């Protein structure tokens, strides 16, 4: 949801690019979000193979509350800004190495 709040509307492919997830992984998650009223999925008028994800009014209305929960999580962890940056860099490095490994075995 954080990515959707930042970039929506997005295609499933674009969302997958931001999250490093394929459509097979995203589709069940998106169906659940849609069934709970957070998003709408529609076929693109330009290319019906493309599914566009849009936020609902409910999702827009809940944005600040969810961001408040995320902020609270960071407060509980008591991380300094440099700690957060280091964590993000470590995660990016792990993702890169996993991508390199996966490209070797494909």
PDB file of N, CA and C in Angstrom:
ATOM      1  N   UNK A   1       0.822  -1.184   0.000  1.00  0.00           N
ATOM      2  CA  UNK A   1       0.000   0.000   0.000  1.00  0.00           C
ATOM      3  C   UNK A   1       0.870   1.253   0.000  1.00  0.00           C
ATOM      4  N   UNK A   2       1.996   1.200   0.690  1.00  0.00           N
ATOM      5  CA  UNK A   2       2.857   2.380   0.727  1.00  0.00           C
ATOM      6  C   UNK A   2       3.311   2.755  -0.679  1.00  0.00           C
ATOM      7  N   UNK A   3       3.651   1.777  -1.479  1.00  0.00           N
ATOM      8  CA  UNK A   3       4.070   2.032  -2.857  1.00  0.00           C
ATOM      9  C   UNK A   3       2.910   2.572  -3.672  1.00  0.00           C
ATOM     10  N   UNK A   4       1.733   2.018  -3.479  1.00  0.00           N
ATOM     11  CA  UNK A   4       0.564   2.509  -4.217  1.00  0.00           C
ATOM     12  C   UNK A   4       0.236   3.945  -3.823  1.00  0.00           C
ATOM     13  N   UNK A   5       0.316   4.266  -2.546  1.00  0.00           N
ATOM     14  CA  UNK A   5       0.060   5.645  -2.122  1.00  0.00           C
ATOM     15  C   UNK A   5       1.056   6.597  -2.766  1.00  0.00           C
ATOM     16  N   UNK A   6       2.253   6.129  -2.973  1.00  0.00           N
ATOM     17  CA  UNK A   6       3.281   6.997  -3.538  1.00  0.00           C
ATOM     18  C   UNK A   6       3.151   7.149  -5.053  1.00  0.00           C
ATOM     19  N   UNK A   7       2.764   6.072  -5.768  1.00  0.00           N
ATOM     20  CA  UNK A   7       2.860   6.089  -7.227  1.00  0.00           C
ATOM     21  C   UNK A   7       1.558   5.828  -7.996  1.00  0.00           C
ATOM     22  N   UNK A   8       0.492   5.400  -7.357  1.00  0.00           N
ATOM     23  CA  UNK A   8      -0.728   5.009  -8.076  1.00  0.00           C
ATOM     24  C   UNK A   8      -1.297   6.171  -8.887  1.00  0.00           C
ATOM     25  N   UNK A   9      -1.936   5.859 -10.008  1.00  0.00           N
ATOM     26  CA  UNK A   9      -2.219   4.527 -10.522  1.00  0.00           C
ATOM     27  C   UNK A   9      -0.981   3.885 -11.163  1.00  0.00           C
ATOM     28  N   UNK A  10      -0.930   2.570 -11.040  1.00  0.00           N
ATOM     29  CA  UNK A  10       0.176   1.771 -11.579  1.00  0.00           C
ATOM     30  C   UNK A  10      -0.372   0.527 -12.249  1.00  0.00           C
ATOM     31  N   UNK A  11       0.362   0.031 -13.224  1.00  0.00           N
ATOM     32  CA  UNK A  11       0.032  -1.290 -13.759  1.00  0.00           C
ATOM     33  C   UNK A  11       0.590  -2.339 -12.796  1.00  0.00           C
ATOM     34  N   UNK A  12       0.093  -3.547 -12.904  1.00  0.00           N
ATOM     35  CA  UNK A  12       0.613  -4.636 -12.069  1.00  0.00           C
ATOM     36  C   UNK A  12       2.107  -4.810 -12.333  1.00  0.00           C
ATOM     37  N   UNK A  13       2.501  -4.701 -13.584  1.00  0.00           N
ATOM     38  CA  UNK A  13       3.916  -4.845 -13.938  1.00  0.00           C
ATOM     39  C   UNK A  13       4.762  -3.752 -13.284  1.00  0.00           C
ATOM     40  N   UNK A  14       4.279  -2.510 -13.311  1.00  0.00           N
ATOM     41  CA  UNK A  14       5.019  -1.412 -12.685  1.00  0.00           C
ATOM     42  C   UNK A  14       5.123  -1.606 -11.178  1.00  0.00           C
ATOM     43  N   UNK A  15       4.022  -2.020 -10.550  1.00  0.00           N
ATOM     44  CA  UNK A  15       4.045  -2.283  -9.121  1.00  0.00           C
ATOM     45  C   UNK A  15       5.039  -3.391  -8.801  1.00  0.00           C
ATOM     46  N   UNK A  16       5.026  -4.445  -9.608  1.00  0.00           N
ATOM     47  CA  UNK A  16       5.974  -5.533  -9.422  1.00  0.00           C
ATOM     48  C   UNK A  16       7.416  -5.069  -9.534  1.00  0.00           C
ATOM     49  N   UNK A  17       7.673  -4.125 -10.427  1.00  0.00           N
ATOM     50  CA  UNK A  17       9.018  -3.572 -10.570  1.00  0.00           C
ATOM     51  C   UNK A  17       9.471  -2.828  -9.316  1.00  0.00           C
ATOM     52  N   UNK A  18       8.544  -2.082  -8.728  1.00  0.00           N
ATOM     53  CA  UNK A  18       8.879  -1.355  -7.500  1.00  0.00           C
ATOM     54  C   UNK A  18       9.145  -2.305  -6.332  1.00  0.00           C
ATOM     55  N   UNK A  19       8.418  -3.423  -6.303  1.00  0.00           N
ATOM     56  CA  UNK A  19       8.483  -4.327  -5.155  1.00  0.00           C
ATOM     57  C   UNK A  19       9.340  -5.572  -5.395  1.00  0.00           C
ATOM     58  N   UNK A  20       9.860  -5.711  -6.604  1.00  0.00           N
ATOM     59  CA  UNK A  20      10.603  -6.923  -6.980  1.00  0.00           C
ATOM     60  C   UNK A  20       9.753  -8.181  -6.803  1.00  0.00           C
ATOM     61  N   UNK A  21       8.498  -8.103  -7.244  1.00  0.00           N
ATOM     62  CA  UNK A  21       7.589  -9.245  -7.190  1.00  0.00           C
ATOM     63  C   UNK A  21       6.985  -9.469  -8.573  1.00  0.00           C
ATOM     64  N   UNK A  22       6.744 -10.728  -8.922  1.00  0.00           N
ATOM     65  CA  UNK A  22       6.118 -11.004 -10.212  1.00  0.00           C
ATOM     66  C   UNK A  22       4.595 -10.977 -10.078  1.00  0.00           C
ATOM     67  N   UNK A  23       3.919 -10.971 -11.222  1.00  0.00           N
ATOM     68  CA  UNK A  23       2.455 -10.851 -11.207  1.00  0.00           C
ATOM     69  C   UNK A  23       1.798 -12.058 -10.545  1.00  0.00           C
ATOM     70  N   UNK A  24       2.420 -13.215 -10.623  1.00  0.00           N
ATOM     71  CA  UNK A  24       1.873 -14.395  -9.962  1.00  0.00           C
ATOM     72  C   UNK A  24       1.841 -14.271  -8.449  1.00  0.00           C
ATOM     73  N   UNK A  25       2.787 -13.546  -7.905  1.00  0.00           N
ATOM     74  CA  UNK A  25       2.833 -13.282  -6.467  1.00  0.00           C
ATOM     75  C   UNK A  25       1.894 -12.135  -6.100  1.00  0.00           C
ATOM     76  N   UNK A  26       1.857 -11.116  -6.945  1.00  0.00           N
ATOM     77  CA  UNK A  26       1.054  -9.928  -6.647  1.00  0.00           C
ATOM     78  C   UNK A  26      -0.452 -10.159  -6.791  1.00  0.00           C
ATOM     79  N   UNK A  27      -0.854 -10.930  -7.791  1.00  0.00           N
ATOM     80  CA  UNK A  27      -2.285 -11.062  -8.087  1.00  0.00           C
ATOM     81  C   UNK A  27      -3.118 -11.496  -6.890  1.00  0.00           C
ATOM     82  N   UNK A  28      -2.742 -12.538  -6.136  1.00  0.00           N
ATOM     83  CA  UNK A  28      -3.559 -12.895  -4.964  1.00  0.00           C
ATOM     84  C   UNK A  28      -3.619 -11.781  -3.918  1.00  0.00           C
ATOM     85  N   UNK A  29      -2.503 -11.073  -3.735  1.00  0.00           N
ATOM     86  CA  UNK A  29      -2.489  -9.959  -2.785  1.00  0.00           C
ATOM     87  C   UNK A  29      -3.411  -8.839  -3.255  1.00  0.00           C
ATOM     88  N   UNK A  30      -3.356  -8.536  -4.542  1.00  0.00           N
ATOM     89  CA  UNK A  30      -4.198  -7.479  -5.091  1.00  0.00           C
ATOM     90  C   UNK A  30      -5.680  -7.852  -5.023  1.00  0.00           C
ATOM     91  N   UNK A  31      -5.986  -9.121  -5.242  1.00  0.00           N
ATOM     92  CA  UNK A  31      -7.381  -9.568  -5.129  1.00  0.00           C
ATOM     93  C   UNK A  31      -7.904  -9.368  -3.709  1.00  0.00           C
ATOM     94  N   UNK A  32      -7.057  -9.668  -2.725  1.00  0.00           N
ATOM     95  CA  UNK A  32      -7.464  -9.456  -1.328  1.00  0.00           C
ATOM     96  C   UNK A  32      -7.654  -7.980  -1.019  1.00  0.00           C
ATOM     97  N   UNK A  33      -6.733  -7.149  -1.488  1.00  0.00           N
ATOM     98  CA  UNK A  33      -6.878  -5.710  -1.270  1.00  0.00           C
ATOM     99  C   UNK A  33      -8.159  -5.188  -1.925  1.00  0.00           C
ATOM    100  N   UNK A  34      -8.451  -5.699  -3.110  1.00  0.00           N
ATOM    101  CA  UNK A  34      -9.671  -5.277  -3.808  1.00  0.00           C
ATOM    102  C   UNK A  34     -10.923  -5.745  -3.066  1.00  0.00           C
ATOM    103  N   UNK A  35     -10.916  -6.984  -2.588  1.00  0.00           N
ATOM    104  CA  UNK A  35     -12.092  -7.510  -1.890  1.00  0.00           C
ATOM    105  C   UNK A  35     -12.356  -6.781  -0.573  1.00  0.00           C
ATOM    106  N   UNK A  36     -11.305  -6.178  -0.010  1.00  0.00           N
ATOM    107  CA  UNK A  36     -11.468  -5.408   1.227  1.00  0.00           C
ATOM    108  C   UNK A  36     -11.668  -3.911   0.975  1.00  0.00           C
ATOM    109  N   UNK A  37     -11.763  -3.530  -0.297  1.00  0.00           N
ATOM    110  CA  UNK A  37     -12.097  -2.155  -0.636  1.00  0.00           C
ATOM    111  C   UNK A  37     -10.953  -1.168  -0.710  1.00  0.00           C
ATOM    112  N   UNK A  38      -9.708  -1.640  -0.733  1.00  0.00           N
ATOM    113  CA  UNK A  38      -8.546  -0.750  -0.757  1.00  0.00           C
ATOM    114  C   UNK A  38      -8.187  -0.286  -2.163  1.00  0.00           C
ATOM    115  N   UNK A  39      -8.363  -1.155  -3.158  1.00  0.00           N
ATOM    116  CA  UNK A  39      -7.972  -0.830  -4.532  1.00  0.00           C
ATOM    117  C   UNK A  39      -9.065  -1.246  -5.505  1.00  0.00           C
ATOM    118  N   UNK A  40      -8.928  -0.733  -6.737  1.00  0.00           N
ATOM    119  CA  UNK A  40      -9.736  -1.190  -7.874  1.00  0.00           C
ATOM    120  C   UNK A  40      -8.766  -1.614  -8.959  1.00  0.00           C
ATOM    121  N   UNK A  41      -9.078  -2.727  -9.596  1.00  0.00           N
ATOM    122  CA  UNK A  41      -8.259  -3.208 -10.715  1.00  0.00           C
ATOM    123  C   UNK A  41      -9.107  -3.115 -11.976  1.00  0.00           C
ATOM    124  N   UNK A  42      -8.551  -2.477 -13.000  1.00  0.00           N
ATOM    125  CA  UNK A  42      -9.248  -2.339 -14.271  1.00  0.00           C
ATOM    126  C   UNK A  42      -8.299  -2.610 -15.412  1.00  0.00           C
ATOM    127  N   UNK A  43      -8.832  -3.158 -16.485  1.00  0.00           N
ATOM    128  CA  UNK A  43      -8.024  -3.360 -17.686  1.00  0.00           C
ATOM    129  C   UNK A  43      -7.780  -2.019 -18.367  1.00  0.00           C
ATOM    130  N   UNK A  44      -6.584  -1.839 -18.877  1.00  0.00           N
ATOM    131  CA  UNK A  44      -6.245  -0.628 -19.597  1.00  0.00           C
ATOM    132  C   UNK A  44      -7.051  -0.546 -20.890  1.00  0.00           C
ATOM    133  N   UNK A  45      -7.518   0.658 -21.218  1.00  0.00           N
ATOM    134  CA  UNK A  45      -8.237   0.840 -22.484  1.00  0.00           C
ATOM    135  C   UNK A  45      -7.276   0.755 -23.661  1.00  0.00           C
ATOM    136  N   UNK A  46      -6.009   1.098 -23.453  1.00  0.00           N
ATOM    137  CA  UNK A  46      -5.007   1.069 -24.517  1.00  0.00           C
ATOM    138  C   UNK A  46      -4.543  -0.350 -24.822  1.00  0.00           C
ATOM    139  N   UNK A  47      -4.457  -1.178 -23.781  1.00  0.00           N
ATOM    140  CA  UNK A  47      -3.961  -2.550 -23.935  1.00  0.00           C
ATOM    141  C   UNK A  47      -4.641  -3.413 -22.878  1.00  0.00           C
ATOM    142  N   UNK A  48      -5.604  -4.213 -23.289  1.00  0.00           N
ATOM    143  CA  UNK A  48      -6.390  -4.970 -22.309  1.00  0.00           C
ATOM    144  C   UNK A  48      -5.594  -6.041 -21.569  1.00  0.00           C
ATOM    145  N   UNK A  49      -4.366  -6.298 -21.997  1.00  0.00           N
ATOM    146  CA  UNK A  49      -3.515  -7.230 -21.249  1.00  0.00           C
ATOM    147  C   UNK A  49      -2.968  -6.593 -19.983  1.00  0.00           C
ATOM    148  N   UNK A  50      -3.007  -5.273 -19.926  1.00  0.00           N
ATOM    149  CA  UNK A  50      -2.465  -4.523 -18.803  1.00  0.00           C
ATOM    150  C   UNK A  50      -3.564  -4.228 -17.784  1.00  0.00           C
ATOM    151  N   UNK A  51      -3.283  -4.561 -16.525  1.00  0.00           N
ATOM    152  CA  UNK A  51      -4.215  -4.272 -15.438  1.00  0.00           C
ATOM    153  C   UNK A  51      -3.686  -3.070 -14.665  1.00  0.00           C
ATOM    154  N   UNK A  52      -4.557  -2.072 -14.519  1.00  0.00           N
ATOM    155  CA  UNK A  52      -4.196  -0.842 -13.811  1.00  0.00           C
ATOM    156  C   UNK A  52      -4.786  -0.893 -12.405  1.00  0.00           C
ATOM    157  N   UNK A  53      -3.976  -0.543 -11.428  1.00  0.00           N
ATOM    158  CA  UNK A  53      -4.398  -0.536 -10.027  1.00  0.00           C
ATOM    159  C   UNK A  53      -4.602   0.912  -9.603  1.00  0.00           C
ATOM    160  N   UNK A  54      -5.779   1.176  -9.051  1.00  0.00           N
ATOM    161  CA  UNK A  54      -6.094   2.508  -8.541  1.00  0.00           C
ATOM    162  C   UNK A  54      -6.540   2.386  -7.097  1.00  0.00           C
ATOM    163  N   UNK A  55      -6.268   3.413  -6.336  1.00  0.00           N
ATOM    164  CA  UNK A  55      -6.697   3.444  -4.940  1.00  0.00           C
ATOM    165  C   UNK A  55      -8.168   3.857  -4.846  1.00  0.00           C
ATOM    166  N   UNK A  56      -8.851   3.345  -3.853  1.00  0.00           N
ATOM    167  CA  UNK A  56     -10.228   3.736  -3.600  1.00  0.00           C
ATOM    168  C   UNK A  56     -10.251   4.939  -2.659  1.00  0.00           C
ATOM    169  N   UNK A  57     -11.422   5.520  -2.503  1.00  0.00           N
ATOM    170  CA  UNK A  57     -11.577   6.627  -1.557  1.00  0.00           C
ATOM    171  C   UNK A  57     -11.258   6.160  -0.142  1.00  0.00           C
ATOM    172  N   UNK A  58     -11.641   4.922   0.175  1.00  0.00           N
ATOM    173  CA  UNK A  58     -11.339   4.382   1.494  1.00  0.00           C
ATOM    174  C   UNK A  58      -9.824   4.359   1.727  1.00  0.00           C
ATOM    175  N   UNK A  59      -9.076   3.884   0.737  1.00  0.00           N
ATOM    176  CA  UNK A  59      -7.613   3.815   0.866  1.00  0.00           C
ATOM    177  C   UNK A  59      -7.021   5.206   1.060  1.00  0.00           C
ATOM    178  N   UNK A  60      -7.506   6.158   0.298  1.00  0.00           N
ATOM    179  CA  UNK A  60      -7.012   7.531   0.445  1.00  0.00           C
ATOM    180  C   UNK A  60      -7.318   8.064   1.843  1.00  0.00           C
ATOM    181  N   UNK A  61      -8.504   7.711   2.368  1.00  0.00           N
ATOM    182  CA  UNK A  61      -8.895   8.170   3.692  1.00  0.00           C
ATOM    183  C   UNK A  61      -8.108   7.543   4.827  1.00  0.00           C
ATOM    184  N   UNK A  62      -7.591   6.348   4.613  1.00  0.00           N
ATOM    185  CA  UNK A  62      -6.839   5.625   5.649  1.00  0.00           C
ATOM    186  C   UNK A  62      -5.336   5.878   5.603  1.00  0.00           C
ATOM    187  N   UNK A  63      -4.893   6.604   4.604  1.00  0.00           N
ATOM    188  CA  UNK A  63      -3.456   6.807   4.375  1.00  0.00           C
ATOM    189  C   UNK A  63      -2.747   7.362   5.615  1.00  0.00           C
ATOM    190  N   UNK A  64      -3.258   8.423   6.180  1.00  0.00           N
ATOM    191  CA  UNK A  64      -2.582   9.056   7.318  1.00  0.00           C
ATOM    192  C   UNK A  64      -2.511   8.124   8.525  1.00  0.00           C
ATOM    193  N   UNK A  65      -3.568   7.367   8.758  1.00  0.00           N
ATOM    194  CA  UNK A  65      -3.557   6.436   9.889  1.00  0.00           C
ATOM    195  C   UNK A  65      -2.504   5.348   9.696  1.00  0.00           C
ATOM    196  N   UNK A  66      -2.418   4.811   8.489  1.00  0.00           N
ATOM    197  CA  UNK A  66      -1.427   3.768   8.217  1.00  0.00           C
ATOM    198  C   UNK A  66      -0.019   4.334   8.340  1.00  0.00           C
ATOM    199  N   UNK A  67       0.205   5.523   7.797  1.00  0.00           N
ATOM    200  CA  UNK A  67       1.520   6.144   7.933  1.00  0.00           C
ATOM    201  C   UNK A  67       1.854   6.386   9.404  1.00  0.00           C
ATOM    202  N   UNK A  68       0.850   6.691  10.198  1.00  0.00           N
ATOM    203  CA  UNK A  68       1.059   6.849  11.637  1.00  0.00           C
ATOM    204  C   UNK A  68       1.524   5.550  12.279  1.00  0.00           C
ATOM    205  N   UNK A  69       0.937   4.426  11.842  1.00  0.00           N
ATOM    206  CA  UNK A  69       1.358   3.117  12.369  1.00  0.00           C
ATOM    207  C   UNK A  69       2.800   2.800  11.961  1.00  0.00           C
ATOM    208  N   UNK A  70       3.141   3.114  10.720  1.00  0.00           N
ATOM    209  CA  UNK A  70       4.511   2.870  10.248  1.00  0.00           C
ATOM    210  C   UNK A  70       5.491   3.717  11.067  1.00  0.00           C
ATOM    211  N   UNK A  71       5.145   4.976  11.278  1.00  0.00           N
ATOM    212  CA  UNK A  71       6.004   5.858  12.084  1.00  0.00           C
ATOM    213  C   UNK A  71       6.168   5.301  13.494  1.00  0.00           C
ATOM    214  N   UNK A  72       5.087   4.803  14.063  1.00  0.00           N
ATOM    215  CA  UNK A  72       5.133   4.231  15.414  1.00  0.00           C
ATOM    216  C   UNK A  72       6.065   3.015  15.446  1.00  0.00           C
ATOM    217  N   UNK A  73       6.029   2.197  14.409  1.00  0.00           N
ATOM    218  CA  UNK A  73       6.932   1.036  14.346  1.00  0.00           C
ATOM    219  C   UNK A  73       8.392   1.477  14.385  1.00  0.00           C
ATOM    220  N   UNK A  74       8.716   2.533  13.627  1.00  0.00           N
ATOM    221  CA  UNK A  74      10.086   3.043  13.652  1.00  0.00           C
ATOM    222  C   UNK A  74      10.444   3.598  15.022  1.00  0.00           C
ATOM    223  N   UNK A  75       9.492   4.231  15.672  1.00  0.00           N
ATOM    224  CA  UNK A  75       9.744   4.753  17.022  1.00  0.00           C
ATOM    225  C   UNK A  75      10.006   3.614  18.004  1.00  0.00           C
ATOM    226  N   UNK A  76       9.224   2.540  17.895  1.00  0.00           N
ATOM    227  CA  UNK A  76       9.411   1.381  18.774  1.00  0.00           C
ATOM    228  C   UNK A  76      10.797   0.780  18.577  1.00  0.00           C
ATOM    229  N   UNK A  77      11.248   0.730  17.324  1.00  0.00           N
ATOM    230  CA  UNK A  77      12.573   0.177  17.019  1.00  0.00           C
ATOM    231  C   UNK A  77      13.697   1.106  17.475  1.00  0.00           C
ATOM    232  N   UNK A  78      13.364   2.365  17.712  1.00  0.00           N
ATOM    233  CA  UNK A  78      14.326   3.360  18.175  1.00  0.00           C
ATOM    234  C   UNK A  78      15.560   3.420  17.280  1.00  0.00           C
ATOM    235  N   UNK A  79      15.304   3.471  15.968  1.00  0.00           N
ATOM    236  CA  UNK A  79      16.396   3.541  15.008  1.00  0.00           C
ATOM    237  C   UNK A  79      16.703   4.996  14.662  1.00  0.00           C
ATOM    238  N   UNK A  80      17.981   5.297  14.622  1.00  0.00           N
ATOM    239  CA  UNK A  80      18.412   6.599  14.129  1.00  0.00           C
ATOM    240  C   UNK A  80      18.300   6.595  12.607  1.00  0.00           C
ATOM    241  N   UNK A  81      18.315   7.763  12.007  1.00  0.00           N
ATOM    242  CA  UNK A  81      18.206   7.857  10.550  1.00  0.00           C
ATOM    243  C   UNK A  81      19.320   7.060   9.859  1.00  0.00           C
ATOM    244  N   UNK A  82      20.536   7.123  10.397  1.00  0.00           N
ATOM    245  CA  UNK A  82      21.644   6.367   9.794  1.00  0.00           C
ATOM    246  C   UNK A  82      21.409   4.862   9.916  1.00  0.00           C
ATOM    247  N   UNK A  83      20.760   4.424  11.002  1.00  0.00           N
ATOM    248  CA  UNK A  83      20.428   2.997  11.149  1.00  0.00           C
ATOM    249  C   UNK A  83      19.456   2.563  10.055  1.00  0.00           C
ATOM    250  N   UNK A  84      18.451   3.405   9.803  1.00  0.00           N
ATOM    251  CA  UNK A  84      17.467   3.091   8.753  1.00  0.00           C
ATOM    252  C   UNK A  84      18.152   3.017   7.398  1.00  0.00           C
ATOM    253  N   UNK A  85      19.033   3.978   7.129  1.00  0.00           N
ATOM    254  CA  UNK A  85      19.760   3.995   5.861  1.00  0.00           C
ATOM    255  C   UNK A  85      20.629   2.754   5.718  1.00  0.00           C
ATOM    256  N   UNK A  86      21.319   2.369   6.786  1.00  0.00           N
ATOM    257  CA  UNK A  86      22.153   1.171   6.744  1.00  0.00           C
ATOM    258  C   UNK A  86      21.326  -0.079   6.495  1.00  0.00           C
ATOM    259  N   UNK A  87      20.161  -0.157   7.129  1.00  0.00           N
ATOM    260  CA  UNK A  87      19.267  -1.303   6.907  1.00  0.00           C
ATOM    261  C   UNK A  87      18.824  -1.348   5.444  1.00  0.00           C
ATOM    262  N   UNK A  88      18.429  -0.201   4.911  1.00  0.00           N
ATOM    263  CA  UNK A  88      17.985  -0.137   3.516  1.00  0.00           C
ATOM    264  C   UNK A  88      19.105  -0.548   2.567  1.00  0.00           C
ATOM    265  N   UNK A  89      20.327  -0.099   2.849  1.00  0.00           N
ATOM    266  CA  UNK A  89      21.473  -0.471   2.018  1.00  0.00           C
ATOM    267  C   UNK A  89      21.742  -1.971   2.103  1.00  0.00           C
ATOM    268  N   UNK A  90      21.637  -2.539   3.288  1.00  0.00           N
ATOM    269  CA  UNK A  90      21.852  -3.983   3.455  1.00  0.00           C
ATOM    270  C   UNK A  90      20.798  -4.786   2.697  1.00  0.00           C
ATOM    271  N   UNK A  91      19.554  -4.363   2.795  1.00  0.00           N
ATOM    272  CA  UNK A  91      18.479  -5.056   2.080  1.00  0.00           C
ATOM    273  C   UNK A  91      18.696  -4.960   0.574  1.00  0.00           C
ATOM    274  N   UNK A  92      19.085  -3.772   0.089  1.00  0.00           N
ATOM    275  CA  UNK A  92      19.350  -3.604  -1.343  1.00  0.00           C
ATOM    276  C   UNK A  92      20.487  -4.508  -1.795  1.00  0.00           C
ATOM    277  N   UNK A  93      21.532  -4.647  -0.975  1.00  0.00           N
ATOM    278  CA  UNK A  93      22.660  -5.503  -1.315  1.00  0.00           C
ATOM    279  C   UNK A  93      22.217  -6.973  -1.374  1.00  0.00           C
ATOM    280  N   UNK A  94      21.403  -7.390  -0.419  1.00  0.00           N
ATOM    281  CA  UNK A  94      20.901  -8.765  -0.403  1.00  0.00           C
ATOM    282  C   UNK A  94      20.048  -9.033  -1.637  1.00  0.00           C
ATOM    283  N   UNK A  95      19.162  -8.087  -1.975  1.00  0.00           N
ATOM    284  CA  UNK A  95      18.326  -8.246  -3.173  1.00  0.00           C
ATOM    285  C   UNK A  95      19.183  -8.367  -4.427  1.00  0.00           C
ATOM    286  N   UNK A  96      20.208  -7.531  -4.535  1.00  0.00           N
ATOM    287  CA  UNK A  96      21.084  -7.556  -5.699  1.00  0.00           C
ATOM    288  C   UNK A  96      21.783  -8.916  -5.814  1.00  0.00           C
ATOM    289  N   UNK A  97      22.291  -9.414  -4.701  1.00  0.00           N
ATOM    290  CA  UNK A  97      22.983 -10.706  -4.726  1.00  0.00           C
ATOM    291  C   UNK A  97      22.020 -11.840  -5.065  1.00  0.00           C
ATOM    292  N   UNK A  98      20.808 -11.789  -4.540  1.00  0.00           N
ATOM    293  CA  UNK A  98      19.820 -12.811  -4.871  1.00  0.00           C
ATOM    294  C   UNK A  98      19.436 -12.746  -6.343  1.00  0.00           C
ATOM    295  N   UNK A  99      19.292 -11.531  -6.879  1.00  0.00           N
ATOM    296  CA  UNK A  99      18.996 -11.373  -8.304  1.00  0.00           C
ATOM    297  C   UNK A  99      20.121 -11.941  -9.158  1.00  0.00           C
ATOM    298  N   UNK A 100      21.364 -11.679  -8.764  1.00  0.00           N
ATOM    299  CA  UNK A 100      22.514 -12.208  -9.500  1.00  0.00           C
ATOM    300  C   UNK A 100      22.517 -13.731  -9.444  1.00  0.00           C
ATOM    301  N   UNK A 101      22.237 -14.293  -8.289  1.00  0.00           N
ATOM    302  CA  UNK A 101      22.197 -15.734  -8.139  1.00  0.00           C
ATOM    303  C   UNK A 101      21.075 -16.320  -8.995  1.00  0.00           C
ATOM    304  N   UNK A 102      19.902 -15.707  -8.945  1.00  0.00           N
ATOM    305  CA  UNK A 102      18.765 -16.214  -9.725  1.00  0.00           C
ATOM    306  C   UNK A 102      19.030 -16.147 -11.218  1.00  0.00           C
ATOM    307  N   UNK A 103      19.726 -15.103 -11.674  1.00  0.00           N
ATOM    308  CA  UNK A 103      20.022 -14.996 -13.101  1.00  0.00           C
ATOM    309  C   UNK A 103      20.995 -16.086 -13.551  1.00  0.00           C
ATOM    310  N   UNK A 104      21.837 -16.551 -12.630  1.00  0.00           N
ATOM    311  CA  UNK A 104      22.779 -17.629 -12.956  1.00  0.00           C
ATOM    312  C   UNK A 104      22.080 -18.974 -13.084  1.00  0.00           C
ATOM    313  N   UNK A 105      21.030 -19.202 -12.300  1.00  0.00           N
ATOM    314  CA  UNK A 105      20.381 -20.507 -12.330  1.00  0.00           C
ATOM    315  C   UNK A 105      19.224 -20.573 -13.317  1.00  0.00           C
ATOM    316  N   UNK A 106      18.820 -19.429 -13.868  1.00  0.00           N
ATOM    317  CA  UNK A 106      17.727 -19.424 -14.863  1.00  0.00           C
ATOM    318  C   UNK A 106      18.182 -19.878 -16.187  1.00  0.00           C
TER     319      UNK A 106
END
